[in-house]
Amino acid sequence: MSTVAAKPAATDSPKKQPSVISLNLKGKSALYAAWMPMLKGGGLFMQSTKAHQLGDEVLLILQFLDEPVKLPITGKVAWINPPHAANNRPQGVGIQLPDNEVGRELKKRIEGILAPVAKSDRATHTM
């Protein structure tokens, strides 16, 4: 009687850890340029030369308008500006805000801050 050694079961590869990126938007004009209202739930653009793929999870450490509190937000890459993007737009990625209480509250807060310039024709980093 012969025995056959069983192969070890394939293990799932470990889940990729999200990139951690700090984003400091120092004024309303920087917030306006980074805001991405066209993404479901809103999003923020950040300049980056690091390679990202659509759907990559990112831990965004956000600080804006000189507020002392840094807000950690986990989102997904939903937009990519490649190097040498059209109209001299900076290279980087747009991070879609999460569909949770933190994401919805941040979206509401940003829209409140940007309400006076929401219909502006000024260019942003993405459109």
N, C-alpha and C. Protein backbone atom coordinates (compact mmCIF):
# COMPACT_ATOMS: atom_id res chain seq x y z
N MET A 1 0.84 -1.16 0.00
CA MET A 1 0.00 0.00 0.00
C MET A 1 0.89 1.23 0.00
N SER A 2 0.62 2.13 -0.91
CA SER A 2 1.43 3.33 -0.95
C SER A 2 0.62 4.50 -0.42
N THR A 3 1.32 5.46 0.12
CA THR A 3 0.66 6.67 0.61
C THR A 3 1.18 7.85 -0.17
N VAL A 4 0.32 8.79 -0.39
CA VAL A 4 0.70 10.01 -1.11
C VAL A 4 0.65 11.16 -0.11
N ALA A 5 1.74 11.86 -0.02
CA ALA A 5 1.78 13.01 0.89
C ALA A 5 0.91 14.12 0.32
N ALA A 6 0.07 14.63 1.16
CA ALA A 6 -0.80 15.73 0.73
C ALA A 6 -0.01 17.04 0.69
N LYS A 7 -0.28 17.82 -0.32
CA LYS A 7 0.36 19.14 -0.41
C LYS A 7 -0.30 20.05 0.61
N PRO A 8 0.47 20.92 1.22
CA PRO A 8 -0.14 21.88 2.13
C PRO A 8 -1.15 22.74 1.37
N ALA A 9 -2.20 23.09 2.02
CA ALA A 9 -3.23 23.93 1.40
C ALA A 9 -2.63 25.30 1.10
N ALA A 10 -3.01 25.83 -0.04
CA ALA A 10 -2.54 27.17 -0.39
C ALA A 10 -3.15 28.16 0.58
N THR A 11 -2.33 29.03 1.07
CA THR A 11 -2.83 30.06 1.98
C THR A 11 -3.11 31.32 1.21
N ASP A 12 -4.08 32.03 1.66
CA ASP A 12 -4.39 33.30 1.02
C ASP A 12 -3.23 34.26 1.26
N SER A 13 -2.92 35.04 0.25
CA SER A 13 -1.85 36.01 0.44
C SER A 13 -2.34 37.07 1.42
N PRO A 14 -1.43 37.63 2.19
CA PRO A 14 -1.86 38.63 3.17
C PRO A 14 -2.47 39.84 2.48
N LYS A 15 -3.44 40.46 3.13
CA LYS A 15 -4.10 41.62 2.57
C LYS A 15 -3.11 42.78 2.50
N LYS A 16 -3.11 43.46 1.40
CA LYS A 16 -2.21 44.59 1.20
C LYS A 16 -2.57 45.71 2.17
N GLN A 17 -1.57 46.21 2.86
CA GLN A 17 -1.80 47.31 3.80
C GLN A 17 -2.04 48.59 3.02
N PRO A 18 -2.95 49.44 3.49
CA PRO A 18 -3.19 50.69 2.77
C PRO A 18 -1.99 51.63 2.87
N SER A 19 -1.80 52.43 1.84
CA SER A 19 -0.80 53.48 1.88
C SER A 19 -1.25 54.51 2.91
N VAL A 20 -0.32 55.14 3.57
CA VAL A 20 -0.63 56.21 4.52
C VAL A 20 -0.09 57.50 3.93
N ILE A 21 -0.98 58.46 3.75
CA ILE A 21 -0.60 59.71 3.12
C ILE A 21 -1.14 60.87 3.94
N SER A 22 -0.30 61.85 4.20
CA SER A 22 -0.72 63.07 4.89
C SER A 22 -1.10 64.13 3.86
N LEU A 23 -2.20 64.80 4.11
CA LEU A 23 -2.66 65.87 3.22
C LEU A 23 -2.99 67.07 4.08
N ASN A 24 -2.28 68.17 3.85
CA ASN A 24 -2.51 69.39 4.60
C ASN A 24 -2.96 70.47 3.61
N LEU A 25 -4.22 70.84 3.69
CA LEU A 25 -4.80 71.86 2.82
C LEU A 25 -4.88 73.15 3.62
N LYS A 26 -3.99 74.09 3.34
CA LYS A 26 -3.79 75.25 4.21
C LYS A 26 -4.75 76.41 4.01
N GLY A 27 -5.60 76.36 3.05
CA GLY A 27 -6.54 77.46 2.84
C GLY A 27 -7.72 77.02 2.01
N LYS A 28 -8.70 77.92 1.88
CA LYS A 28 -9.89 77.59 1.10
C LYS A 28 -9.56 77.32 -0.35
N SER A 29 -8.58 78.05 -0.89
CA SER A 29 -8.24 77.82 -2.30
C SER A 29 -7.62 76.43 -2.49
N ALA A 30 -6.82 75.98 -1.54
CA ALA A 30 -6.24 74.62 -1.62
C ALA A 30 -7.33 73.57 -1.48
N LEU A 31 -8.28 73.82 -0.57
CA LEU A 31 -9.40 72.90 -0.38
C LEU A 31 -10.25 72.85 -1.64
N TYR A 32 -10.52 74.01 -2.23
CA TYR A 32 -11.31 74.07 -3.46
C TYR A 32 -10.63 73.28 -4.58
N ALA A 33 -9.31 73.44 -4.73
CA ALA A 33 -8.58 72.77 -5.80
C ALA A 33 -8.56 71.25 -5.60
N ALA A 34 -8.60 70.81 -4.35
CA ALA A 34 -8.52 69.38 -4.05
C ALA A 34 -9.88 68.69 -4.00
N TRP A 35 -10.95 69.43 -3.76
CA TRP A 35 -12.28 68.84 -3.57
C TRP A 35 -12.78 68.22 -4.87
N MET A 36 -13.36 67.03 -4.76
CA MET A 36 -13.87 66.29 -5.91
C MET A 36 -15.35 65.94 -5.68
N PRO A 37 -16.25 66.89 -5.90
CA PRO A 37 -17.67 66.63 -5.65
C PRO A 37 -18.29 65.64 -6.63
N MET A 38 -17.62 65.40 -7.76
CA MET A 38 -18.18 64.49 -8.76
C MET A 38 -18.08 63.02 -8.35
N LEU A 39 -17.27 62.71 -7.34
CA LEU A 39 -17.19 61.33 -6.84
C LEU A 39 -18.35 61.07 -5.89
N LYS A 40 -18.91 59.89 -5.97
CA LYS A 40 -20.00 59.52 -5.06
C LYS A 40 -19.49 59.65 -3.62
N GLY A 41 -20.13 60.49 -2.83
CA GLY A 41 -19.70 60.72 -1.46
C GLY A 41 -18.62 61.77 -1.34
N GLY A 42 -18.12 62.27 -2.48
CA GLY A 42 -17.07 63.27 -2.47
C GLY A 42 -15.69 62.64 -2.39
N GLY A 43 -14.69 63.46 -2.65
CA GLY A 43 -13.32 62.97 -2.59
C GLY A 43 -12.35 64.12 -2.53
N LEU A 44 -11.10 63.79 -2.27
CA LEU A 44 -10.03 64.77 -2.19
C LEU A 44 -8.87 64.33 -3.07
N PHE A 45 -8.32 65.28 -3.80
CA PHE A 45 -7.17 65.02 -4.65
C PHE A 45 -5.91 65.37 -3.89
N MET A 46 -4.89 64.53 -4.04
CA MET A 46 -3.60 64.86 -3.45
C MET A 46 -2.51 64.62 -4.47
N GLN A 47 -1.58 65.56 -4.50
CA GLN A 47 -0.45 65.41 -5.39
C GLN A 47 0.43 64.28 -4.87
N SER A 48 0.88 63.44 -5.78
CA SER A 48 1.70 62.31 -5.40
C SER A 48 2.42 61.78 -6.64
N THR A 49 3.67 61.39 -6.46
CA THR A 49 4.39 60.75 -7.55
C THR A 49 4.44 59.24 -7.35
N LYS A 50 3.89 58.77 -6.23
CA LYS A 50 3.85 57.33 -5.95
C LYS A 50 2.84 56.65 -6.87
N ALA A 51 3.18 55.46 -7.31
CA ALA A 51 2.28 54.70 -8.18
C ALA A 51 1.12 54.15 -7.38
N HIS A 52 -0.08 54.42 -7.82
CA HIS A 52 -1.31 53.91 -7.21
C HIS A 52 -2.15 53.29 -8.30
N GLN A 53 -3.02 52.39 -7.92
CA GLN A 53 -3.97 51.78 -8.84
C GLN A 53 -5.38 52.16 -8.41
N LEU A 54 -6.29 52.23 -9.35
CA LEU A 54 -7.69 52.47 -8.99
C LEU A 54 -8.14 51.39 -8.02
N GLY A 55 -8.83 51.79 -6.97
CA GLY A 55 -9.32 50.84 -5.97
C GLY A 55 -8.39 50.62 -4.81
N ASP A 56 -7.13 51.08 -4.91
CA ASP A 56 -6.20 50.94 -3.78
C ASP A 56 -6.77 51.63 -2.55
N GLU A 57 -6.63 50.99 -1.41
CA GLU A 57 -7.06 51.59 -0.15
C GLU A 57 -5.96 52.51 0.36
N VAL A 58 -6.37 53.69 0.84
CA VAL A 58 -5.43 54.69 1.34
C VAL A 58 -5.92 55.20 2.69
N LEU A 59 -5.00 55.30 3.64
CA LEU A 59 -5.30 55.95 4.91
C LEU A 59 -4.82 57.38 4.76
N LEU A 60 -5.76 58.29 4.71
CA LEU A 60 -5.48 59.71 4.52
C LEU A 60 -5.49 60.40 5.87
N ILE A 61 -4.40 61.05 6.21
CA ILE A 61 -4.33 61.86 7.43
C ILE A 61 -4.54 63.29 6.98
N LEU A 62 -5.73 63.81 7.20
CA LEU A 62 -6.15 65.09 6.67
C LEU A 62 -6.09 66.19 7.72
N GLN A 63 -5.51 67.29 7.32
CA GLN A 63 -5.53 68.51 8.14
C GLN A 63 -5.83 69.65 7.19
N PHE A 64 -6.81 70.47 7.55
CA PHE A 64 -7.10 71.59 6.65
C PHE A 64 -7.52 72.84 7.40
N LEU A 65 -7.32 73.97 6.69
CA LEU A 65 -7.65 75.30 7.19
C LEU A 65 -7.01 75.60 8.54
N ASP A 66 -5.79 75.18 8.71
CA ASP A 66 -5.01 75.44 9.92
C ASP A 66 -5.65 74.92 11.20
N GLU A 67 -6.53 73.93 11.08
CA GLU A 67 -7.11 73.33 12.27
C GLU A 67 -6.06 72.41 12.90
N PRO A 68 -5.99 72.38 14.23
CA PRO A 68 -4.96 71.58 14.88
C PRO A 68 -5.23 70.07 14.82
N VAL A 69 -6.46 69.68 14.59
CA VAL A 69 -6.82 68.26 14.60
C VAL A 69 -6.53 67.63 13.24
N LYS A 70 -5.88 66.46 13.28
CA LYS A 70 -5.65 65.69 12.07
C LYS A 70 -6.69 64.57 12.04
N LEU A 71 -7.38 64.45 10.92
CA LEU A 71 -8.47 63.51 10.78
C LEU A 71 -8.04 62.31 9.94
N PRO A 72 -8.00 61.11 10.52
CA PRO A 72 -7.67 59.92 9.72
C PRO A 72 -8.91 59.41 8.99
N ILE A 73 -8.77 59.21 7.68
CA ILE A 73 -9.88 58.75 6.86
C ILE A 73 -9.37 57.67 5.92
N THR A 74 -10.06 56.54 5.87
CA THR A 74 -9.70 55.49 4.93
C THR A 74 -10.60 55.61 3.71
N GLY A 75 -9.99 55.77 2.56
CA GLY A 75 -10.73 55.87 1.31
C GLY A 75 -10.08 55.03 0.24
N LYS A 76 -10.60 55.13 -0.97
CA LYS A 76 -10.08 54.35 -2.09
C LYS A 76 -9.69 55.29 -3.23
N VAL A 77 -8.63 54.91 -3.94
CA VAL A 77 -8.20 55.67 -5.10
C VAL A 77 -9.29 55.54 -6.17
N ALA A 78 -9.83 56.68 -6.59
CA ALA A 78 -10.90 56.68 -7.58
C ALA A 78 -10.56 57.57 -8.79
N TRP A 79 -9.39 58.19 -8.77
CA TRP A 79 -8.99 59.10 -9.84
C TRP A 79 -7.48 59.11 -9.88
N ILE A 80 -6.91 59.14 -11.08
CA ILE A 80 -5.46 59.23 -11.22
C ILE A 80 -5.13 60.27 -12.27
N ASN A 81 -4.32 61.26 -11.89
CA ASN A 81 -3.73 62.19 -12.85
C ASN A 81 -2.32 61.66 -13.12
N PRO A 82 -2.04 61.26 -14.35
CA PRO A 82 -0.71 60.75 -14.67
C PRO A 82 0.30 61.90 -14.74
N PRO A 83 1.58 61.56 -14.82
CA PRO A 83 2.57 62.63 -15.05
C PRO A 83 2.22 63.36 -16.34
N HIS A 84 2.45 64.64 -16.38
CA HIS A 84 2.21 65.48 -17.56
C HIS A 84 0.74 65.44 -17.98
N ALA A 85 -0.17 65.51 -17.01
CA ALA A 85 -1.61 65.51 -17.30
C ALA A 85 -1.99 66.76 -18.10
N ALA A 86 -3.10 66.67 -18.78
CA ALA A 86 -3.60 67.78 -19.59
C ALA A 86 -3.77 69.04 -18.75
N ASN A 87 -3.61 70.17 -19.39
CA ASN A 87 -3.81 71.49 -18.77
C ASN A 87 -2.91 71.71 -17.55
N ASN A 88 -1.74 71.10 -17.56
CA ASN A 88 -0.76 71.25 -16.47
C ASN A 88 -1.30 70.86 -15.10
N ARG A 89 -2.22 69.92 -15.06
CA ARG A 89 -2.73 69.45 -13.77
C ARG A 89 -1.66 68.60 -13.11
N PRO A 90 -1.55 68.69 -11.79
CA PRO A 90 -0.49 67.96 -11.10
C PRO A 90 -0.71 66.46 -11.08
N GLN A 91 0.39 65.73 -11.04
CA GLN A 91 0.33 64.28 -10.92
C GLN A 91 -0.18 63.94 -9.53
N GLY A 92 -1.06 62.95 -9.44
CA GLY A 92 -1.56 62.53 -8.14
C GLY A 92 -2.80 61.68 -8.25
N VAL A 93 -3.47 61.53 -7.11
CA VAL A 93 -4.63 60.65 -7.04
C VAL A 93 -5.78 61.33 -6.30
N GLY A 94 -6.99 60.93 -6.68
CA GLY A 94 -8.20 61.36 -5.99
C GLY A 94 -8.67 60.22 -5.10
N ILE A 95 -8.90 60.55 -3.84
CA ILE A 95 -9.34 59.55 -2.87
C ILE A 95 -10.82 59.76 -2.59
N GLN A 96 -11.62 58.74 -2.87
CA GLN A 96 -13.06 58.79 -2.60
C GLN A 96 -13.29 58.63 -1.11
N LEU A 97 -14.08 59.53 -0.53
CA LEU A 97 -14.39 59.45 0.90
C LEU A 97 -15.23 58.20 1.17
N PRO A 98 -15.09 57.64 2.35
CA PRO A 98 -15.85 56.42 2.67
C PRO A 98 -17.33 56.73 2.86
N ASP A 99 -18.16 55.73 2.57
CA ASP A 99 -19.60 55.86 2.78
C ASP A 99 -19.91 55.43 4.21
N ASN A 100 -19.51 56.29 5.15
CA ASN A 100 -19.80 56.05 6.56
C ASN A 100 -20.02 57.41 7.23
N GLU A 101 -20.27 57.40 8.51
CA GLU A 101 -20.58 58.64 9.22
C GLU A 101 -19.45 59.66 9.11
N VAL A 102 -18.21 59.21 9.24
CA VAL A 102 -17.06 60.12 9.16
C VAL A 102 -16.98 60.75 7.77
N GLY A 103 -17.11 59.94 6.73
CA GLY A 103 -17.05 60.45 5.37
C GLY A 103 -18.18 61.41 5.06
N ARG A 104 -19.39 61.07 5.48
CA ARG A 104 -20.54 61.95 5.22
C ARG A 104 -20.41 63.27 5.98
N GLU A 105 -19.92 63.22 7.20
CA GLU A 105 -19.75 64.43 8.00
C GLU A 105 -18.67 65.33 7.38
N LEU A 106 -17.58 64.74 6.91
CA LEU A 106 -16.52 65.52 6.28
C LEU A 106 -17.03 66.16 5.00
N LYS A 107 -17.77 65.41 4.20
CA LYS A 107 -18.34 65.95 2.96
C LYS A 107 -19.23 67.15 3.26
N LYS A 108 -20.10 67.01 4.24
CA LYS A 108 -21.01 68.10 4.63
C LYS A 108 -20.22 69.33 5.08
N ARG A 109 -19.17 69.09 5.85
CA ARG A 109 -18.35 70.19 6.37
C ARG A 109 -17.62 70.92 5.23
N ILE A 110 -17.02 70.14 4.31
CA ILE A 110 -16.30 70.75 3.19
C ILE A 110 -17.26 71.51 2.29
N GLU A 111 -18.42 70.95 1.99
CA GLU A 111 -19.39 71.64 1.15
C GLU A 111 -19.86 72.94 1.80
N GLY A 112 -19.97 72.95 3.13
CA GLY A 112 -20.34 74.17 3.83
C GLY A 112 -19.27 75.25 3.70
N ILE A 113 -18.02 74.84 3.82
CA ILE A 113 -16.91 75.79 3.69
C ILE A 113 -16.82 76.33 2.27
N LEU A 114 -17.04 75.47 1.28
CA LEU A 114 -16.89 75.86 -0.12
C LEU A 114 -18.17 76.41 -0.76
N ALA A 115 -19.26 76.47 -0.02
CA ALA A 115 -20.54 76.93 -0.59
C ALA A 115 -20.42 78.26 -1.34
N PRO A 116 -19.72 79.26 -0.81
CA PRO A 116 -19.65 80.54 -1.53
C PRO A 116 -18.95 80.45 -2.89
N VAL A 117 -18.11 79.45 -3.11
CA VAL A 117 -17.39 79.35 -4.38
C VAL A 117 -17.74 78.08 -5.16
N ALA A 118 -18.80 77.41 -4.75
CA ALA A 118 -19.15 76.12 -5.36
C ALA A 118 -19.41 76.22 -6.86
N LYS A 119 -19.92 77.32 -7.35
CA LYS A 119 -20.23 77.48 -8.77
C LYS A 119 -19.12 78.19 -9.54
N SER A 120 -17.95 78.30 -8.94
CA SER A 120 -16.82 78.99 -9.56
C SER A 120 -16.36 78.26 -10.81
N ASP A 121 -15.80 79.03 -11.76
CA ASP A 121 -15.24 78.46 -12.98
C ASP A 121 -13.74 78.20 -12.84
N ARG A 122 -13.20 78.46 -11.64
CA ARG A 122 -11.76 78.24 -11.43
C ARG A 122 -11.43 76.76 -11.62
N ALA A 123 -10.29 76.51 -12.21
CA ALA A 123 -9.84 75.13 -12.42
C ALA A 123 -9.47 74.49 -11.09
N THR A 124 -9.62 73.19 -11.02
CA THR A 124 -9.19 72.43 -9.86
C THR A 124 -8.06 71.50 -10.32
N HIS A 125 -7.58 70.67 -9.42
CA HIS A 125 -6.51 69.74 -9.79
C HIS A 125 -7.00 68.63 -10.70
N THR A 126 -8.33 68.47 -10.82
CA THR A 126 -8.85 67.36 -11.61
C THR A 126 -9.70 67.77 -12.80
N MET A 127 -10.40 68.87 -12.72
CA MET A 127 -11.28 69.27 -13.84
C MET A 127 -11.24 70.77 -14.04
